[in-house]
Protein backbone atom coordinates (compact mmCIF):
# COMPACT_ATOMS: atom_id res chain seq x y z
CA UNK A 1 -12.83 41.48 19.09
CA UNK A 2 -10.04 42.11 16.57
CA UNK A 3 -11.01 45.79 16.11
CA UNK A 4 -10.93 46.31 19.86
CA UNK A 5 -7.41 44.87 20.16
CA UNK A 6 -6.25 47.07 17.26
CA UNK A 7 -7.59 50.14 19.08
CA UNK A 8 -5.85 49.08 22.28
CA UNK A 9 -2.53 48.56 20.51
CA UNK A 10 -2.96 51.94 18.79
CA UNK A 11 -3.49 53.62 22.15
CA UNK A 12 -0.58 51.79 23.80
CA UNK A 13 1.84 52.84 21.07
CA UNK A 14 1.52 56.53 21.95
CA UNK A 15 4.02 57.48 24.61
CA UNK A 16 5.25 60.74 26.03
CA UNK A 17 7.90 61.47 28.64
CA UNK A 18 7.19 63.75 31.61
CA UNK A 19 9.56 66.72 31.48
CA UNK A 20 11.44 68.08 34.48
CA UNK A 21 8.70 70.63 35.24
CA UNK A 22 5.91 68.05 34.94
CA UNK A 23 4.93 68.92 31.38
CA UNK A 24 3.74 66.26 28.95
CA UNK A 25 3.25 66.52 25.19
CA UNK A 26 0.05 64.89 23.96
CA UNK A 27 0.87 63.01 20.74
CA UNK A 28 -0.41 64.82 17.62
CA UNK A 29 -2.46 61.86 16.36
CA UNK A 30 -4.31 61.77 19.68
CA UNK A 31 -4.80 65.58 19.78
CA UNK A 32 -6.22 65.49 16.25
CA UNK A 33 -8.46 62.52 16.99
CA UNK A 34 -9.87 64.10 20.16
CA UNK A 35 -10.02 67.69 18.95
CA UNK A 36 -7.54 69.02 21.50
CA UNK A 37 -6.33 72.34 20.12
CA UNK A 38 -4.23 75.19 21.54
CA UNK A 39 -6.25 76.84 24.30
CA UNK A 40 -8.28 73.70 25.08
CA UNK A 41 -8.73 73.37 28.84
CA UNK A 42 -8.27 69.86 30.24
CA UNK A 43 -9.49 68.69 33.64
CA UNK A 44 -7.30 66.05 35.29
CA UNK A 45 -8.33 63.40 37.76
CA UNK A 46 -7.06 60.06 39.04
CA UNK A 47 -9.03 56.85 38.84
CA UNK A 48 -7.66 53.54 40.13
CA UNK A 49 -4.05 54.58 39.49
CA UNK A 50 -4.74 56.05 36.04
CA UNK A 51 -4.44 59.67 35.01
CA UNK A 52 -7.66 60.85 33.35
CA UNK A 53 -7.77 64.01 31.23
CA UNK A 54 -11.14 65.31 30.02
CA UNK A 55 -11.83 68.36 27.88
CA UNK A 56 -13.46 70.95 30.10
CA UNK A 57 -16.90 72.22 29.19
CA UNK A 58 -15.36 75.69 29.05
CA UNK A 59 -17.06 78.87 30.08
CA UNK A 60 -20.58 79.94 29.34
CA UNK A 61 -21.17 81.93 26.12
CA UNK A 62 -21.86 85.19 27.98
CA UNK A 63 -18.52 85.02 29.77
CA UNK A 64 -16.80 84.31 26.44
CA UNK A 65 -17.98 87.62 24.95
CA UNK A 66 -17.80 89.70 28.14
CA UNK A 67 -16.21 93.03 27.34
CA UNK A 68 -16.26 92.59 23.55
CA UNK A 69 -18.17 95.87 23.13
CA UNK A 70 -15.67 97.84 25.15
CA UNK A 71 -17.96 98.11 28.17
CA UNK A 72 -16.24 97.29 31.42
CA UNK A 73 -19.43 96.53 33.36
CA UNK A 74 -21.19 93.21 33.84
CA UNK A 75 -24.67 92.19 32.72
CA UNK A 76 -26.29 92.70 36.13
CA UNK A 77 -25.15 96.33 36.18
CA UNK A 78 -26.47 96.96 32.65
CA UNK A 79 -29.84 95.42 33.51
CA UNK A 80 -30.06 97.50 36.72
CA UNK A 81 -29.33 100.69 34.73
CA UNK A 82 -31.97 99.84 32.12
CA UNK A 83 -34.59 99.16 34.80
CA UNK A 84 -33.76 102.43 36.55
CA UNK A 85 -34.58 104.38 33.37
CA UNK A 86 -38.20 103.22 33.36
């Protein structure tokens, strides 16, 4: 039970003020602990009066590398062209 109360007090000690434009800085210790890095996408929701932020699953690997070879066409078009050559 002691470890649980230590974790709760650790979490309660991290505070951040909402800026005029609604921006909030996530404390560095929490970012490091949760692996939140620049570019990380967070999904926000509300649950019983609490703000919940969850790291988004991101995009699929194909979308991540789309266009890396300089081609400006999508996979479906490439596959259709390859099938047409048969």
